[in-house]
Amino acid sequence: MKQLQLVGTNASVDALKVYLNDENICSPALAVISSVGGAMSEKVLSEALKNVSLPCAAGVMNALAVMQSDIAINEFISCLK
């Protein structure tokens, strides 16, 4: 995954989104998805926040904040409750 941070594409985002739910590799998957950026990454991360037991929810929220995302406002509010 470390190499995908440098050369990852939307295909990487699609392949790694399932790992956001894995406690052991959520952070590395998040790093790749964040480094790819773009609309697909933003959508995948906002969808991930719908999982109330997301292991790296704070990291996902930070990544979305860096992206200046406004599509995950409801998910932000839900996570903060």
C-alpha atoms as a PDB file:
ATOM      1  CA  MET A   1       0.000   0.000   0.000  1.00  0.00           C
ATOM      2  CA  LYS A   2       2.915   2.326   0.638  1.00  0.00           C
ATOM      3  CA  GLN A   3       3.752   2.341  -3.080  1.00  0.00           C
ATOM      4  CA  LEU A   4       0.148   3.048  -4.018  1.00  0.00           C
ATOM      5  CA  GLN A   5       0.379   6.293  -2.066  1.00  0.00           C
ATOM      6  CA  LEU A   6       2.759   7.457  -4.791  1.00  0.00           C
ATOM      7  CA  VAL A   7       1.172   5.965  -7.910  1.00  0.00           C
ATOM      8  CA  GLY A   8      -2.372   5.030  -6.909  1.00  0.00           C
ATOM      9  CA  THR A   9      -5.362   5.784  -9.103  1.00  0.00           C
ATOM     10  CA  ASN A  10      -9.135   5.509  -8.844  1.00  0.00           C
ATOM     11  CA  ALA A  11      -8.681   1.764  -9.364  1.00  0.00           C
ATOM     12  CA  SER A  12      -6.660   1.736  -6.124  1.00  0.00           C
ATOM     13  CA  VAL A  13      -9.444   3.585  -4.324  1.00  0.00           C
ATOM     14  CA  ASP A  14     -11.993   1.061  -5.538  1.00  0.00           C
ATOM     15  CA  ALA A  15      -9.802  -1.896  -4.559  1.00  0.00           C
ATOM     16  CA  LEU A  16      -8.918  -0.605  -1.087  1.00  0.00           C
ATOM     17  CA  LYS A  17     -12.249   0.789   0.084  1.00  0.00           C
ATOM     18  CA  VAL A  18     -13.175  -2.544   1.686  1.00  0.00           C
ATOM     19  CA  TYR A  19     -10.111  -2.308   3.925  1.00  0.00           C
ATOM     20  CA  LEU A  20     -11.429   0.824   5.615  1.00  0.00           C
ATOM     21  CA  ASN A  21     -13.509  -1.535   7.765  1.00  0.00           C
ATOM     22  CA  ASP A  22     -10.498  -3.597   8.849  1.00  0.00           C
ATOM     23  CA  GLU A  23      -9.079  -2.423  12.164  1.00  0.00           C
ATOM     24  CA  ASN A  24      -5.563  -3.594  11.298  1.00  0.00           C
ATOM     25  CA  ILE A  25      -5.165  -1.889   7.936  1.00  0.00           C
ATOM     26  CA  CYS A  26      -7.704   0.922   7.957  1.00  0.00           C
ATOM     27  CA  SER A  27      -5.030   3.611   8.309  1.00  0.00           C
ATOM     28  CA  PRO A  28      -2.841   2.420   5.399  1.00  0.00           C
ATOM     29  CA  ALA A  29      -5.920   2.093   3.177  1.00  0.00           C
ATOM     30  CA  LEU A  30      -7.002   5.579   4.204  1.00  0.00           C
ATOM     31  CA  ALA A  31      -3.544   6.929   3.358  1.00  0.00           C
ATOM     32  CA  VAL A  32      -3.758   5.551  -0.179  1.00  0.00           C
ATOM     33  CA  ILE A  33      -7.319   6.748  -0.749  1.00  0.00           C
ATOM     34  CA  SER A  34      -6.438  10.205   0.576  1.00  0.00           C
ATOM     35  CA  SER A  35      -3.328  10.472  -1.565  1.00  0.00           C
ATOM     36  CA  VAL A  36      -5.292   9.651  -4.721  1.00  0.00           C
ATOM     37  CA  GLY A  37      -7.824  12.357  -3.913  1.00  0.00           C
ATOM     38  CA  GLY A  38     -10.577  13.454  -6.242  1.00  0.00           C
ATOM     39  CA  ALA A  39     -14.295  12.916  -6.362  1.00  0.00           C
ATOM     40  CA  MET A  40     -14.128   9.131  -6.101  1.00  0.00           C
ATOM     41  CA  SER A  41     -11.969   9.255  -2.968  1.00  0.00           C
ATOM     42  CA  GLU A  42     -14.269  11.827  -1.427  1.00  0.00           C
ATOM     43  CA  LYS A  43     -17.318   9.663  -2.153  1.00  0.00           C
ATOM     44  CA  VAL A  44     -15.704   6.476  -0.797  1.00  0.00           C
ATOM     45  CA  LEU A  45     -14.630   8.211   2.414  1.00  0.00           C
ATOM     46  CA  SER A  46     -18.013   9.819   2.975  1.00  0.00           C
ATOM     47  CA  GLU A  47     -19.711   6.444   2.441  1.00  0.00           C
ATOM     48  CA  ALA A  48     -17.284   4.847   4.909  1.00  0.00           C
ATOM     49  CA  LEU A  49     -18.426   7.259   7.625  1.00  0.00           C
ATOM     50  CA  LYS A  50     -21.879   5.683   7.495  1.00  0.00           C
ATOM     51  CA  ASN A  51     -20.349   2.671   9.275  1.00  0.00           C
ATOM     52  CA  VAL A  52     -20.790   3.502  12.968  1.00  0.00           C
ATOM     53  CA  SER A  53     -17.944   1.154  13.902  1.00  0.00           C
ATOM     54  CA  LEU A  54     -15.428   2.508  11.371  1.00  0.00           C
ATOM     55  CA  PRO A  55     -12.015   1.866  12.968  1.00  0.00           C
ATOM     56  CA  CYS A  56     -10.372   5.054  11.662  1.00  0.00           C
ATOM     57  CA  ALA A  57     -13.339   7.431  11.640  1.00  0.00           C
ATOM     58  CA  ALA A  58     -11.313  10.367  12.969  1.00  0.00           C
ATOM     59  CA  GLY A  59      -8.751   9.914  10.213  1.00  0.00           C
ATOM     60  CA  VAL A  60     -11.472   9.734   7.581  1.00  0.00           C
ATOM     61  CA  MET A  61     -13.036  12.929   8.917  1.00  0.00           C
ATOM     62  CA  ASN A  62      -9.643  14.648   8.843  1.00  0.00           C
ATOM     63  CA  ALA A  63      -9.034  13.510   5.261  1.00  0.00           C
ATOM     64  CA  LEU A  64     -12.432  14.828   4.194  1.00  0.00           C
ATOM     65  CA  ALA A  65     -11.734  18.123   5.954  1.00  0.00           C
ATOM     66  CA  VAL A  66      -8.442  18.455   4.068  1.00  0.00           C
ATOM     67  CA  MET A  67     -10.349  17.789   0.841  1.00  0.00           C
ATOM     68  CA  GLN A  68     -12.781  20.545   1.917  1.00  0.00           C
ATOM     69  CA  SER A  69     -15.597  18.075   1.367  1.00  0.00           C
ATOM     70  CA  ASP A  70     -19.141  19.157   1.899  1.00  0.00           C
ATOM     71  CA  ILE A  71     -20.820  15.913   0.843  1.00  0.00           C
ATOM     72  CA  ALA A  72     -20.301  14.235   4.206  1.00  0.00           C
ATOM     73  CA  ILE A  73     -21.844  16.850   6.505  1.00  0.00           C
ATOM     74  CA  ASN A  74     -24.570  14.507   7.793  1.00  0.00           C
ATOM     75  CA  GLU A  75     -21.983  11.754   8.393  1.00  0.00           C
ATOM     76  CA  PHE A  76     -19.777  14.209  10.337  1.00  0.00           C
ATOM     77  CA  ILE A  77     -22.685  15.120  12.567  1.00  0.00           C
ATOM     78  CA  SER A  78     -23.601  11.465  13.133  1.00  0.00           C
ATOM     79  CA  CYS A  79     -20.029  10.601  14.121  1.00  0.00           C
ATOM     80  CA  LEU A  80     -19.859  13.463  16.602  1.00  0.00           C
ATOM     81  CA  LYS A  81     -22.995  12.403  18.476  1.00  0.00           C
END
